[in-house]
Amino acid sequence: MLTIIDKYILKRYLATFSAMLLMFVPIGIIIDVSEKINFMIENKVPFLDVAVYYYNFTIYFANNLFPIFLFLSIIWFTSKLANNTEIIAILSSGISFTRFLRPFIIGATIVSLIVLFLGFSIVPAANEGFNNFRYTYLRTGGKAQMRGDNTDVYRQINDNEFLYVNSFNTESKVAFNFALEKFDKEKLVSKITASRIKWNPKDSTYTMYDYTKRTVGVLGDKIEKQPEKKAKFSFELEDLTPVVYIAETLRLDKLNAFIDKERKRGSSNINVYMVVLYKKFSIPISAFILTIIAVSVSSMKRRGGMGMNLTIGISIAFSFVFFDKIFGVLAEKSTFSPFLAVWFPNIVFGILAIFLLRNAKR
């Protein structure tokens, strides 16, 4: 059962964290507005779209920087407890430091569960709206950048079919120099080529121009040619070049299915998608690690007071974010393990948390 002290600390934990969010999120919005207001006016962005964008921005901003907000809020109110000699009184009453830490761990559990829930449900939709707005209204040529590199696209559709297009126009949904090869094990069965292929969204068909189909036979090949031909395939042209931030917009079940599909297709962006997947679980765990570090650092009454604790806390918090960003980019741009890249900051700072906790107990 929670004691009076537990409830007092837990209440301060959650209240200070909420206050930190309510204080910094509006500041983030004001800074973002000041930077982007000219683009919005030039592009005549509807007010409703702007309002929806800042709703999504709030969720995106809070989710990405929640470890810093959490860490600083704990440093703040724990330092106040230490300066008011409340921690000394609590520990002098016979309560161990480990027992004193319990309400903090309960608070971290509550925050982690909320972040985990938001990461699985609300955050993906917010990320989609946030990124769609940025690429549509705030970047020059943003709509083209949404698809990344859409030239010389080669994909494995399934176990037996391979598709190639020389280039893909995302606006007109037209691909050029199309080729579709079908194999039986390692033997070519047929090959379809066309100078261009257009996606018809109304009936989910494709129109191929300068269509040629070569069917490989035992005694000879069969050639079929038509100037124009409609057909249905098991892929969509948008599957060739998904938006660069697609993984951030998918819920867990769809993200897992998407990764499996992209892995079978031999996508070069698998590491990017895996980083997004692993972060859904690593970020909530960081709440526990940062909570232990924050309490260990700020539970002692220092000569410099709260200022010294905040200086140490800010340094550690930004070091955590630095490690997280550096190793995330390293995994996305190289062959470095995405799992190790995502969890490395938690491992390093977890070791630091154990070290600081032992010193704090002394």
Foldseek 3Di string as FASTA:
>chain_A
DADPLLVVVLVLLVVLLVVLLVVVLVVVVVVVCVVQVVLCVVQVPDPVLVVLLSVLVSLVVCLLQVLLSSLLSLLVVLLVCQVVCVLVVVVVVVQFVVNSCVSLVVNLVVVLVVSLVCQQPPNLQSVVSNLVCCLPGPDDVSVVPQLPDFAFFWWDQAPFKIKTFGGADPVQRKTAFIKMWGADVPHTAKMKTARMWHADVVVRKIKGAQIWMWGQDPVGIDIDTDRIDIGHDPDGSCLRGPGPCNLSNDHLVVLVVNLVSCVRTVHLQSLLNVLSNLLSNQVSVVSNLSSLVSNLQSNHADPVRSVVSSVVSVVLSVVLVVQLVVLSVVSRVDVPDSNCSNCVSVVVSSVVSVVSNVVSSD
